Amino acid sequence: MDEEDTAPRQQQKKMLKRQEEMSESQIVKAFTSRKARNFDDDQSNDDEEGSDYKQSESGGDAKYVDTAGVTQTAQANPSFRNYSGVFKNLVKANNIVTMYPIISMIITYDSTKAVTVTKKSDEEYYVKQYDLEKYDMTFEEKIGGEPGQYIKLKEVEQDPLGTQFAIAYCDDGKFFVRTFGKDSRTEDEIKKNELDVNKLLGINDYTMCNQSFPDPFITCCFVGTDRLFVNLFHNYDLKHYHFLYDLKTQKIIGSHEERVIECTKKNFPYKCFYNDDKEEIYSFYRQGQSFIIKSDNMMDYTFDRMTEMDLG
């Protein structure tokens, strides 16, 4: 019984002695770490021997200059080496020289055009469209340009399809709304389509826009594809106006709403949005006032002061 027990014990002692005789260098050499190696997902469970694993090229480190003017290096994450091709050429860039400074720019929802508002002077602005494939200018309309005009124009709004556009601007106290598509028009066609808001609401031209801002004291947004919400601030009498306009019939839907706001004459509508889920329109003022308006009834709205701080 003792002889049977000693046989396996002797074998274990021989194995332990053999391991002790191996140096640390031999042990390290025998072990190959997989931590520094990168495997494709479809090869992660393969044996190392006979595998067709090939290490992908690294995308390289990225260098940038921080706010202190010091060049920093962001090292590439080795986990993404096999996917470096996915992150290449994601953005197509091309420099387009504009004749005048850009006030604002949007990309159409159908991803075919870039629409810009550029300013030549206080009397003259331009709305232009550029093709996103060829980078050619495909559309141009002038706003103002006559002696004595004083234009304020900030941005272009678009319908949900990205095919129809609208601008709301102020010309020395006179408010206008202009809608257009992607095709160029004559001056007669532009004037025929342009909405004279002062005439429509029966208000004077005493509004004076803030010289320090490009905001025209009037904003608009599409409600669907054939309706346009318009609101403005007539700062002479501190009165807010809003209405819904039918683009097909070129008439106000229902009647307009007006409300005196307790604020300074420097206040103005900053931006308005349409929520198609709740069928509500949100309008925000520079000095913190806000309107929530039901799109089917301009008289049904909630007015509130959401913040004491100025926006923007």
C-alpha atoms as a PDB file:
ATOM      1  CA  MET A   1       0.000   0.000   0.000  1.00  0.00           C
ATOM      2  CA  ASP A   2       2.893   2.336   0.854  1.00  0.00           C
ATOM      3  CA  GLU A   3       4.673   1.544  -2.428  1.00  0.00           C
ATOM      4  CA  GLU A   4       1.513   2.484  -4.440  1.00  0.00           C
ATOM      5  CA  ASP A   5       1.326   5.814  -2.575  1.00  0.00           C
ATOM      6  CA  THR A   6       4.943   6.722  -3.074  1.00  0.00           C
ATOM      7  CA  ALA A   7       4.905   6.213  -6.858  1.00  0.00           C
ATOM      8  CA  PRO A   8       2.612   9.154  -7.699  1.00  0.00           C
ATOM      9  CA  ARG A   9       4.273  11.307  -5.030  1.00  0.00           C
ATOM     10  CA  GLN A  10       7.639  10.705  -6.607  1.00  0.00           C
ATOM     11  CA  GLN A  11       6.221  11.679 -10.005  1.00  0.00           C
ATOM     12  CA  GLN A  12       4.853  14.940  -8.565  1.00  0.00           C
ATOM     13  CA  LYS A  13       8.221  15.745  -6.982  1.00  0.00           C
ATOM     14  CA  LYS A  14       9.949  15.261 -10.340  1.00  0.00           C
ATOM     15  CA  MET A  15       7.513  17.691 -12.039  1.00  0.00           C
ATOM     16  CA  LEU A  16       7.985  20.315  -9.334  1.00  0.00           C
ATOM     17  CA  LYS A  17      11.760  19.973  -9.537  1.00  0.00           C
ATOM     18  CA  ARG A  18      11.628  20.393 -13.312  1.00  0.00           C
ATOM     19  CA  GLN A  19       9.604  23.607 -12.968  1.00  0.00           C
ATOM     20  CA  GLU A  20      12.025  24.993 -10.411  1.00  0.00           C
ATOM     21  CA  GLU A  21      14.911  24.424 -12.786  1.00  0.00           C
ATOM     22  CA  MET A  22      13.340  26.700 -15.397  1.00  0.00           C
ATOM     23  CA  SER A  23      14.604  30.285 -15.233  1.00  0.00           C
ATOM     24  CA  GLU A  24      12.368  33.357 -15.190  1.00  0.00           C
ATOM     25  CA  SER A  25      13.500  34.281 -18.678  1.00  0.00           C
ATOM     26  CA  GLN A  26      12.393  30.919 -19.978  1.00  0.00           C
ATOM     27  CA  ILE A  27       9.010  31.316 -18.353  1.00  0.00           C
ATOM     28  CA  VAL A  28       8.531  34.827 -19.842  1.00  0.00           C
ATOM     29  CA  LYS A  29       9.640  33.629 -23.240  1.00  0.00           C
ATOM     30  CA  ALA A  30       7.171  30.797 -23.143  1.00  0.00           C
ATOM     31  CA  PHE A  31       4.276  33.199 -22.430  1.00  0.00           C
ATOM     32  CA  THR A  32       2.982  35.479 -25.183  1.00  0.00           C
ATOM     33  CA  SER A  33       0.545  38.169 -24.021  1.00  0.00           C
ATOM     34  CA  ARG A  34      -2.593  38.667 -26.138  1.00  0.00           C
ATOM     35  CA  LYS A  35      -3.258  42.062 -24.577  1.00  0.00           C
ATOM     36  CA  ALA A  36      -1.197  44.023 -27.070  1.00  0.00           C
ATOM     37  CA  ARG A  37      -2.663  42.203 -30.045  1.00  0.00           C
ATOM     38  CA  ASN A  38      -5.852  43.142 -31.875  1.00  0.00           C
ATOM     39  CA  PHE A  39      -8.149  40.521 -33.287  1.00  0.00           C
ATOM     40  CA  ASP A  40     -10.995  40.897 -35.745  1.00  0.00           C
ATOM     41  CA  ASP A  41     -14.386  39.996 -34.321  1.00  0.00           C
ATOM     42  CA  ASP A  42     -14.707  36.954 -36.555  1.00  0.00           C
ATOM     43  CA  GLN A  43     -11.282  35.678 -35.462  1.00  0.00           C
ATOM     44  CA  SER A  44     -11.438  36.336 -31.735  1.00  0.00           C
ATOM     45  CA  ASN A  45     -12.046  32.678 -30.865  1.00  0.00           C
ATOM     46  CA  ASP A  46      -9.538  31.174 -33.292  1.00  0.00           C
ATOM     47  CA  ASP A  47      -6.388  29.383 -32.167  1.00  0.00           C
ATOM     48  CA  GLU A  48      -3.190  31.334 -32.580  1.00  0.00           C
ATOM     49  CA  GLU A  49      -1.526  28.626 -34.595  1.00  0.00           C
ATOM     50  CA  GLY A  50      -2.710  28.525 -38.164  1.00  0.00           C
ATOM     51  CA  SER A  51      -4.791  31.671 -37.790  1.00  0.00           C
ATOM     52  CA  ASP A  52      -4.980  34.119 -40.728  1.00  0.00           C
ATOM     53  CA  TYR A  53      -4.845  37.067 -38.319  1.00  0.00           C
ATOM     54  CA  LYS A  54      -3.342  40.226 -39.746  1.00  0.00           C
ATOM     55  CA  GLN A  55      -2.935  43.367 -37.699  1.00  0.00           C
ATOM     56  CA  SER A  56      -4.538  46.408 -39.259  1.00  0.00           C
ATOM     57  CA  GLU A  57      -2.696  49.673 -39.671  1.00  0.00           C
ATOM     58  CA  SER A  58      -3.197  52.258 -36.974  1.00  0.00           C
ATOM     59  CA  GLY A  59      -5.051  55.447 -37.837  1.00  0.00           C
ATOM     60  CA  GLY A  60      -2.286  57.440 -36.115  1.00  0.00           C
ATOM     61  CA  ASP A  61      -2.322  59.976 -33.317  1.00  0.00           C
ATOM     62  CA  ALA A  62      -4.248  63.242 -33.515  1.00  0.00           C
ATOM     63  CA  LYS A  63      -2.592  66.553 -32.698  1.00  0.00           C
ATOM     64  CA  TYR A  64      -4.448  69.714 -31.757  1.00  0.00           C
ATOM     65  CA  VAL A  65      -3.806  73.074 -30.101  1.00  0.00           C
ATOM     66  CA  ASP A  66      -5.651  73.676 -26.835  1.00  0.00           C
ATOM     67  CA  THR A  67      -7.021  76.997 -25.573  1.00  0.00           C
ATOM     68  CA  ALA A  68      -3.671  77.804 -23.956  1.00  0.00           C
ATOM     69  CA  GLY A  69      -1.911  77.484 -27.320  1.00  0.00           C
ATOM     70  CA  VAL A  70      -0.129  74.255 -26.364  1.00  0.00           C
ATOM     71  CA  THR A  71       0.017  71.415 -28.893  1.00  0.00           C
ATOM     72  CA  GLN A  72      -1.540  68.271 -27.437  1.00  0.00           C
ATOM     73  CA  THR A  73      -1.421  64.721 -28.762  1.00  0.00           C
ATOM     74  CA  ALA A  74      -4.399  62.384 -28.472  1.00  0.00           C
ATOM     75  CA  GLN A  75      -3.169  58.819 -28.835  1.00  0.00           C
ATOM     76  CA  ALA A  76      -5.169  56.493 -31.015  1.00  0.00           C
ATOM     77  CA  ASN A  77      -7.110  53.787 -29.199  1.00  0.00           C
ATOM     78  CA  PRO A  78      -5.675  50.446 -30.373  1.00  0.00           C
ATOM     79  CA  SER A  79      -9.101  48.844 -29.946  1.00  0.00           C
ATOM     80  CA  PHE A  80     -10.273  50.694 -33.072  1.00  0.00           C
ATOM     81  CA  ARG A  81      -7.332  49.845 -35.329  1.00  0.00           C
ATOM     82  CA  ASN A  82      -9.260  47.199 -37.235  1.00  0.00           C
ATOM     83  CA  TYR A  83     -12.085  49.680 -37.801  1.00  0.00           C
ATOM     84  CA  SER A  84     -10.043  52.713 -38.827  1.00  0.00           C
ATOM     85  CA  GLY A  85     -11.516  52.612 -42.326  1.00  0.00           C
ATOM     86  CA  VAL A  86     -15.003  53.192 -40.900  1.00  0.00           C
ATOM     87  CA  PHE A  87     -13.951  56.576 -39.526  1.00  0.00           C
ATOM     88  CA  LYS A  88     -12.317  57.874 -42.702  1.00  0.00           C
ATOM     89  CA  ASN A  89     -13.935  60.265 -45.198  1.00  0.00           C
ATOM     90  CA  LEU A  90     -17.031  60.778 -43.062  1.00  0.00           C
ATOM     91  CA  VAL A  91     -17.185  64.482 -43.906  1.00  0.00           C
ATOM     92  CA  LYS A  92     -16.812  66.062 -47.315  1.00  0.00           C
ATOM     93  CA  ALA A  93     -15.444  69.582 -47.064  1.00  0.00           C
ATOM     94  CA  ASN A  94     -14.862  72.258 -49.642  1.00  0.00           C
ATOM     95  CA  ASN A  95     -14.168  75.962 -49.205  1.00  0.00           C
ATOM     96  CA  ILE A  96     -16.766  78.242 -50.786  1.00  0.00           C
ATOM     97  CA  VAL A  97     -15.859  81.918 -50.960  1.00  0.00           C
ATOM     98  CA  THR A  98     -18.891  84.159 -50.422  1.00  0.00           C
ATOM     99  CA  MET A  99     -18.991  87.731 -51.614  1.00  0.00           C
ATOM    100  CA  TYR A 100     -20.359  89.037 -48.293  1.00  0.00           C
ATOM    101  CA  PRO A 101     -20.259  87.903 -44.636  1.00  0.00           C
ATOM    102  CA  ILE A 102     -22.621  85.053 -43.713  1.00  0.00           C
ATOM    103  CA  ILE A 103     -25.275  85.877 -41.112  1.00  0.00           C
ATOM    104  CA  SER A 104     -26.720  82.351 -40.935  1.00  0.00           C
ATOM    105  CA  MET A 105     -26.796  79.090 -42.876  1.00  0.00           C
ATOM    106  CA  ILE A 106     -28.929  75.932 -42.918  1.00  0.00           C
ATOM    107  CA  ILE A 107     -28.779  72.558 -44.668  1.00  0.00           C
ATOM    108  CA  THR A 108     -32.051  71.571 -46.316  1.00  0.00           C
ATOM    109  CA  TYR A 109     -33.827  68.527 -44.893  1.00  0.00           C
ATOM    110  CA  ASP A 110     -33.424  66.711 -48.218  1.00  0.00           C
ATOM    111  CA  SER A 111     -29.621  67.219 -47.953  1.00  0.00           C
ATOM    112  CA  THR A 112     -29.296  68.813 -51.382  1.00  0.00           C
ATOM    113  CA  LYS A 113     -28.730  72.515 -50.626  1.00  0.00           C
ATOM    114  CA  ALA A 114     -27.002  74.884 -48.235  1.00  0.00           C
ATOM    115  CA  VAL A 115     -29.038  78.074 -47.786  1.00  0.00           C
ATOM    116  CA  THR A 116     -27.269  81.212 -46.573  1.00  0.00           C
ATOM    117  CA  VAL A 117     -28.165  84.723 -45.500  1.00  0.00           C
ATOM    118  CA  THR A 118     -25.391  87.181 -46.335  1.00  0.00           C
ATOM    119  CA  LYS A 119     -25.141  90.896 -45.593  1.00  0.00           C
ATOM    120  CA  LYS A 120     -23.641  93.425 -47.978  1.00  0.00           C
ATOM    121  CA  SER A 121     -24.683  96.449 -45.936  1.00  0.00           C
ATOM    122  CA  ASP A 122     -27.485  97.699 -43.697  1.00  0.00           C
ATOM    123  CA  GLU A 123     -29.475  98.384 -46.867  1.00  0.00           C
ATOM    124  CA  GLU A 124     -28.866  95.126 -48.725  1.00  0.00           C
ATOM    125  CA  TYR A 125     -28.989  91.398 -47.886  1.00  0.00           C
ATOM    126  CA  TYR A 126     -28.903  88.246 -50.033  1.00  0.00           C
ATOM    127  CA  VAL A 127     -30.368  84.760 -49.711  1.00  0.00           C
ATOM    128  CA  LYS A 128     -28.396  82.168 -51.672  1.00  0.00           C
ATOM    129  CA  GLN A 129     -28.532  78.411 -52.207  1.00  0.00           C
ATOM    130  CA  TYR A 130     -25.539  76.177 -52.941  1.00  0.00           C
ATOM    131  CA  ASP A 131     -25.586  72.651 -54.333  1.00  0.00           C
ATOM    132  CA  LEU A 132     -24.022  70.208 -51.855  1.00  0.00           C
ATOM    133  CA  GLU A 133     -22.639  67.935 -54.580  1.00  0.00           C
ATOM    134  CA  LYS A 134     -21.232  70.423 -57.100  1.00  0.00           C
ATOM    135  CA  TYR A 135     -20.819  73.369 -54.683  1.00  0.00           C
ATOM    136  CA  ASP A 136     -22.314  75.725 -57.280  1.00  0.00           C
ATOM    137  CA  MET A 137     -24.634  78.590 -56.389  1.00  0.00           C
ATOM    138  CA  THR A 138     -28.083  77.647 -57.709  1.00  0.00           C
ATOM    139  CA  PHE A 139     -30.310  80.395 -56.272  1.00  0.00           C
ATOM    140  CA  GLU A 140     -30.016  84.053 -55.321  1.00  0.00           C
ATOM    141  CA  GLU A 141     -32.482  86.717 -54.209  1.00  0.00           C
ATOM    142  CA  LYS A 142     -31.783  90.233 -53.016  1.00  0.00           C
ATOM    143  CA  ILE A 143     -33.521  91.861 -50.074  1.00  0.00           C
ATOM    144  CA  GLY A 144     -33.439  95.651 -50.051  1.00  0.00           C
ATOM    145  CA  GLY A 145     -30.756  97.473 -51.993  1.00  0.00           C
ATOM    146  CA  GLU A 146     -32.555 100.800 -52.382  1.00  0.00           C
ATOM    147  CA  PRO A 147     -31.316 104.055 -50.823  1.00  0.00           C
ATOM    148  CA  GLY A 148     -32.871 104.765 -47.432  1.00  0.00           C
ATOM    149  CA  GLN A 149     -33.726 101.157 -46.618  1.00  0.00           C
ATOM    150  CA  TYR A 150     -32.640  99.622 -43.299  1.00  0.00           C
ATOM    151  CA  ILE A 151     -32.890  95.817 -43.439  1.00  0.00           C
ATOM    152  CA  LYS A 152     -32.822  93.364 -40.554  1.00  0.00           C
ATOM    153  CA  LEU A 153     -32.776  89.697 -41.603  1.00  0.00           C
ATOM    154  CA  LYS A 154     -31.496  86.799 -39.547  1.00  0.00           C
ATOM    155  CA  GLU A 155     -32.306  83.331 -40.896  1.00  0.00           C
ATOM    156  CA  VAL A 156     -34.220  81.105 -43.307  1.00  0.00           C
ATOM    157  CA  GLU A 157     -36.956  78.681 -42.245  1.00  0.00           C
ATOM    158  CA  GLN A 158     -37.852  75.520 -44.197  1.00  0.00           C
ATOM    159  CA  ASP A 159     -40.831  73.191 -44.428  1.00  0.00           C
ATOM    160  CA  PRO A 160     -40.642  69.529 -43.256  1.00  0.00           C
ATOM    161  CA  LEU A 161     -39.670  68.365 -46.765  1.00  0.00           C
ATOM    162  CA  GLY A 162     -36.868  70.875 -47.190  1.00  0.00           C
ATOM    163  CA  THR A 163     -38.300  72.157 -50.479  1.00  0.00           C
ATOM    164  CA  GLN A 164     -40.047  75.387 -49.450  1.00  0.00           C
ATOM    165  CA  PHE A 165     -38.492  78.249 -47.500  1.00  0.00           C
ATOM    166  CA  ALA A 166     -39.495  81.471 -45.766  1.00  0.00           C
ATOM    167  CA  ILE A 167     -37.796  84.579 -44.437  1.00  0.00           C
ATOM    168  CA  ALA A 168     -39.242  87.237 -42.131  1.00  0.00           C
ATOM    169  CA  TYR A 169     -37.478  90.587 -42.190  1.00  0.00           C
ATOM    170  CA  CYS A 170     -37.871  94.208 -41.197  1.00  0.00           C
ATOM    171  CA  ASP A 171     -37.235  97.221 -43.415  1.00  0.00           C
ATOM    172  CA  ASP A 172     -37.049 100.324 -41.210  1.00  0.00           C
ATOM    173  CA  GLY A 173     -40.197  99.451 -39.242  1.00  0.00           C
ATOM    174  CA  LYS A 174     -42.001  97.675 -42.094  1.00  0.00           C
ATOM    175  CA  PHE A 175     -42.381  93.898 -41.613  1.00  0.00           C
ATOM    176  CA  PHE A 176     -42.362  91.472 -44.541  1.00  0.00           C
ATOM    177  CA  VAL A 177     -42.550  87.698 -45.046  1.00  0.00           C
ATOM    178  CA  ARG A 178     -41.209  86.134 -48.230  1.00  0.00           C
ATOM    179  CA  THR A 179     -41.589  82.490 -49.275  1.00  0.00           C
ATOM    180  CA  PHE A 180     -39.660  80.753 -52.061  1.00  0.00           C
ATOM    181  CA  GLY A 181     -38.543  77.381 -53.389  1.00  0.00           C
ATOM    182  CA  LYS A 182     -35.387  76.302 -55.183  1.00  0.00           C
ATOM    183  CA  ASP A 183     -36.076  77.983 -58.531  1.00  0.00           C
ATOM    184  CA  SER A 184     -34.989  81.536 -59.330  1.00  0.00           C
ATOM    185  CA  ARG A 185     -37.696  84.174 -59.849  1.00  0.00           C
ATOM    186  CA  THR A 186     -38.140  87.583 -61.415  1.00  0.00           C
ATOM    187  CA  GLU A 187     -38.596  90.745 -59.363  1.00  0.00           C
ATOM    188  CA  ASP A 188     -42.283  90.838 -60.297  1.00  0.00           C
ATOM    189  CA  GLU A 189     -42.787  87.251 -59.074  1.00  0.00           C
ATOM    190  CA  ILE A 190     -41.043  88.076 -55.798  1.00  0.00           C
ATOM    191  CA  LYS A 191     -43.156  91.169 -55.114  1.00  0.00           C
ATOM    192  CA  LYS A 192     -46.342  89.294 -55.979  1.00  0.00           C
ATOM    193  CA  ASN A 193     -45.547  86.606 -53.429  1.00  0.00           C
ATOM    194  CA  GLU A 194     -44.223  88.845 -50.621  1.00  0.00           C
ATOM    195  CA  LEU A 195     -46.491  89.522 -47.630  1.00  0.00           C
ATOM    196  CA  ASP A 196     -46.735  93.082 -46.266  1.00  0.00           C
ATOM    197  CA  VAL A 197     -47.408  92.369 -42.565  1.00  0.00           C
ATOM    198  CA  ASN A 198     -47.961  96.016 -41.543  1.00  0.00           C
ATOM    199  CA  LYS A 199     -50.699  96.375 -44.131  1.00  0.00           C
ATOM    200  CA  LEU A 200     -52.219  93.040 -43.166  1.00  0.00           C
ATOM    201  CA  LEU A 201     -52.429  93.900 -39.444  1.00  0.00           C
ATOM    202  CA  GLY A 202     -53.028  97.641 -39.871  1.00  0.00           C
ATOM    203  CA  ILE A 203     -50.003  98.738 -37.813  1.00  0.00           C
ATOM    204  CA  ASN A 204     -47.606 101.656 -38.293  1.00  0.00           C
ATOM    205  CA  ASP A 205     -43.898 101.522 -39.103  1.00  0.00           C
ATOM    206  CA  TYR A 206     -42.625 102.987 -35.812  1.00  0.00           C
ATOM    207  CA  THR A 207     -40.774  99.828 -34.737  1.00  0.00           C
ATOM    208  CA  MET A 208     -37.035 100.371 -34.260  1.00  0.00           C
ATOM    209  CA  CYS A 209     -34.885  97.216 -34.232  1.00  0.00           C
ATOM    210  CA  ASN A 210     -31.876  96.842 -31.967  1.00  0.00           C
ATOM    211  CA  GLN A 211     -28.809  97.972 -33.884  1.00  0.00           C
ATOM    212  CA  SER A 212     -26.547  95.535 -31.992  1.00  0.00           C
ATOM    213  CA  PHE A 213     -28.432  92.419 -33.157  1.00  0.00           C
ATOM    214  CA  PRO A 214     -29.393  91.043 -36.590  1.00  0.00           C
ATOM    215  CA  ASP A 215     -32.851  90.074 -35.286  1.00  0.00           C
ATOM    216  CA  PRO A 216     -35.702  91.683 -37.264  1.00  0.00           C
ATOM    217  CA  PHE A 217     -38.262  91.621 -34.371  1.00  0.00           C
ATOM    218  CA  ILE A 218     -40.316  89.145 -36.431  1.00  0.00           C
ATOM    219  CA  THR A 219     -39.991  85.349 -36.699  1.00  0.00           C
ATOM    220  CA  CYS A 220     -41.837  82.592 -38.524  1.00  0.00           C
ATOM    221  CA  CYS A 221     -41.971  78.805 -38.832  1.00  0.00           C
ATOM    222  CA  PHE A 222     -43.753  76.293 -41.035  1.00  0.00           C
ATOM    223  CA  VAL A 223     -46.767  74.443 -39.677  1.00  0.00           C
ATOM    224  CA  GLY A 224     -46.858  71.507 -42.049  1.00  0.00           C
ATOM    225  CA  THR A 225     -46.153  72.306 -45.694  1.00  0.00           C
ATOM    226  CA  ASP A 226     -48.844  74.874 -46.545  1.00  0.00           C
ATOM    227  CA  ARG A 227     -49.194  77.000 -43.399  1.00  0.00           C
ATOM    228  CA  LEU A 228     -46.855  79.547 -41.853  1.00  0.00           C
ATOM    229  CA  PHE A 229     -46.881  80.848 -38.291  1.00  0.00           C
ATOM    230  CA  VAL A 230     -45.772  84.468 -37.944  1.00  0.00           C
ATOM    231  CA  ASN A 231     -45.213  86.517 -34.788  1.00  0.00           C
ATOM    232  CA  LEU A 232     -43.678  89.946 -34.239  1.00  0.00           C
ATOM    233  CA  PHE A 233     -43.066  92.578 -31.586  1.00  0.00           C
ATOM    234  CA  HIS A 234     -44.229  96.110 -32.323  1.00  0.00           C
ATOM    235  CA  ASN A 235     -41.990  97.826 -29.803  1.00  0.00           C
ATOM    236  CA  TYR A 236     -43.511 101.287 -30.223  1.00  0.00           C
ATOM    237  CA  ASP A 237     -46.490 100.168 -28.136  1.00  0.00           C
ATOM    238  CA  LEU A 238     -44.862  97.003 -26.628  1.00  0.00           C
ATOM    239  CA  LYS A 239     -47.378  94.772 -28.385  1.00  0.00           C
ATOM    240  CA  HIS A 240     -46.949  91.173 -29.518  1.00  0.00           C
ATOM    241  CA  TYR A 241     -48.808  89.920 -32.609  1.00  0.00           C
ATOM    242  CA  HIS A 242     -49.153  86.398 -33.991  1.00  0.00           C
ATOM    243  CA  PHE A 243     -51.210  84.714 -36.703  1.00  0.00           C
ATOM    244  CA  LEU A 244     -51.369  81.662 -38.958  1.00  0.00           C
ATOM    245  CA  TYR A 245     -51.057  82.246 -42.688  1.00  0.00           C
ATOM    246  CA  ASP A 246     -52.298  79.987 -45.497  1.00  0.00           C
ATOM    247  CA  LEU A 247     -49.658  79.887 -48.231  1.00  0.00           C
ATOM    248  CA  LYS A 248     -52.075  78.609 -50.887  1.00  0.00           C
ATOM    249  CA  THR A 249     -54.866  81.136 -50.399  1.00  0.00           C
ATOM    250  CA  GLN A 250     -52.470  83.851 -49.151  1.00  0.00           C
ATOM    251  CA  LYS A 251     -54.844  84.750 -46.341  1.00  0.00           C
ATOM    252  CA  ILE A 252     -54.825  84.669 -42.527  1.00  0.00           C
ATOM    253  CA  ILE A 253     -56.461  81.561 -41.085  1.00  0.00           C
ATOM    254  CA  GLY A 254     -59.029  82.805 -38.580  1.00  0.00           C
ATOM    255  CA  SER A 255     -57.863  86.061 -37.007  1.00  0.00           C
ATOM    256  CA  HIS A 256     -54.662  87.384 -35.507  1.00  0.00           C
ATOM    257  CA  GLU A 257     -53.954  87.684 -31.778  1.00  0.00           C
ATOM    258  CA  GLU A 258     -52.268  90.589 -29.999  1.00  0.00           C
ATOM    259  CA  ARG A 259     -51.028  91.135 -26.450  1.00  0.00           C
ATOM    260  CA  VAL A 260     -49.182  93.922 -24.631  1.00  0.00           C
ATOM    261  CA  ILE A 261     -46.030  92.650 -22.894  1.00  0.00           C
ATOM    262  CA  GLU A 262     -44.536  94.285 -19.818  1.00  0.00           C
ATOM    263  CA  CYS A 263     -40.944  94.729 -20.958  1.00  0.00           C
ATOM    264  CA  THR A 264     -38.555  97.233 -22.510  1.00  0.00           C
ATOM    265  CA  LYS A 265     -38.531  98.289 -26.141  1.00  0.00           C
ATOM    266  CA  LYS A 266     -35.345  96.284 -26.665  1.00  0.00           C
ATOM    267  CA  ASN A 267     -37.260  93.016 -26.348  1.00  0.00           C
ATOM    268  CA  PHE A 268     -38.012  90.902 -29.435  1.00  0.00           C
ATOM    269  CA  PRO A 269     -39.092  87.360 -30.475  1.00  0.00           C
ATOM    270  CA  TYR A 270     -35.919  85.297 -30.621  1.00  0.00           C
ATOM    271  CA  LYS A 271     -37.131  82.034 -32.166  1.00  0.00           C
ATOM    272  CA  CYS A 272     -40.310  80.030 -32.766  1.00  0.00           C
ATOM    273  CA  PHE A 273     -40.828  76.293 -33.321  1.00  0.00           C
ATOM    274  CA  TYR A 274     -43.655  73.960 -34.282  1.00  0.00           C
ATOM    275  CA  ASN A 275     -44.197  70.705 -32.365  1.00  0.00           C
ATOM    276  CA  ASP A 276     -46.078  68.399 -34.715  1.00  0.00           C
ATOM    277  CA  ASP A 277     -46.571  65.750 -31.998  1.00  0.00           C
ATOM    278  CA  LYS A 278     -48.540  68.079 -29.734  1.00  0.00           C
ATOM    279  CA  GLU A 279     -49.630  70.415 -32.550  1.00  0.00           C
ATOM    280  CA  GLU A 280     -48.294  73.379 -30.605  1.00  0.00           C
ATOM    281  CA  ILE A 281     -46.168  76.385 -31.511  1.00  0.00           C
ATOM    282  CA  TYR A 282     -43.511  77.697 -29.140  1.00  0.00           C
ATOM    283  CA  SER A 283     -42.296  81.282 -29.335  1.00  0.00           C
ATOM    284  CA  PHE A 284     -39.470  82.618 -27.153  1.00  0.00           C
ATOM    285  CA  TYR A 285     -38.588  86.242 -26.480  1.00  0.00           C
ATOM    286  CA  ARG A 286     -35.169  87.726 -25.836  1.00  0.00           C
ATOM    287  CA  GLN A 287     -36.069  88.834 -22.286  1.00  0.00           C
ATOM    288  CA  GLY A 288     -37.440  85.445 -21.226  1.00  0.00           C
ATOM    289  CA  GLN A 289     -41.138  85.557 -22.161  1.00  0.00           C
ATOM    290  CA  SER A 290     -42.667  82.561 -23.931  1.00  0.00           C
ATOM    291  CA  PHE A 291     -45.859  81.627 -25.752  1.00  0.00           C
ATOM    292  CA  ILE A 292     -47.330  78.145 -26.210  1.00  0.00           C
ATOM    293  CA  ILE A 293     -49.966  78.397 -28.933  1.00  0.00           C
ATOM    294  CA  LYS A 294     -52.350  75.753 -30.251  1.00  0.00           C
ATOM    295  CA  SER A 295     -51.860  75.453 -33.995  1.00  0.00           C
ATOM    296  CA  ASP A 296     -55.598  75.070 -34.690  1.00  0.00           C
ATOM    297  CA  ASN A 297     -56.600  78.151 -32.690  1.00  0.00           C
ATOM    298  CA  MET A 298     -54.389  81.230 -32.388  1.00  0.00           C
ATOM    299  CA  MET A 299     -56.564  82.512 -29.526  1.00  0.00           C
ATOM    300  CA  ASP A 300     -55.765  79.436 -27.422  1.00  0.00           C
ATOM    301  CA  TYR A 301     -52.334  80.079 -25.937  1.00  0.00           C
ATOM    302  CA  THR A 302     -50.357  80.193 -22.692  1.00  0.00           C
ATOM    303  CA  PHE A 303     -48.100  83.124 -21.855  1.00  0.00           C
ATOM    304  CA  ASP A 304     -45.343  82.855 -19.252  1.00  0.00           C
ATOM    305  CA  ARG A 305     -42.025  84.306 -18.101  1.00  0.00           C
ATOM    306  CA  MET A 306     -39.690  81.309 -18.139  1.00  0.00           C
ATOM    307  CA  THR A 307     -36.531  83.132 -17.035  1.00  0.00           C
ATOM    308  CA  GLU A 308     -35.372  86.509 -15.739  1.00  0.00           C
ATOM    309  CA  MET A 309     -32.183  86.233 -17.816  1.00  0.00           C
ATOM    310  CA  ASP A 310     -31.754  87.421 -21.382  1.00  0.00           C
ATOM    311  CA  LEU A 311     -31.542  84.680 -24.030  1.00  0.00           C
ATOM    312  CA  GLY A 312     -28.708  84.447 -26.497  1.00  0.00           C
END
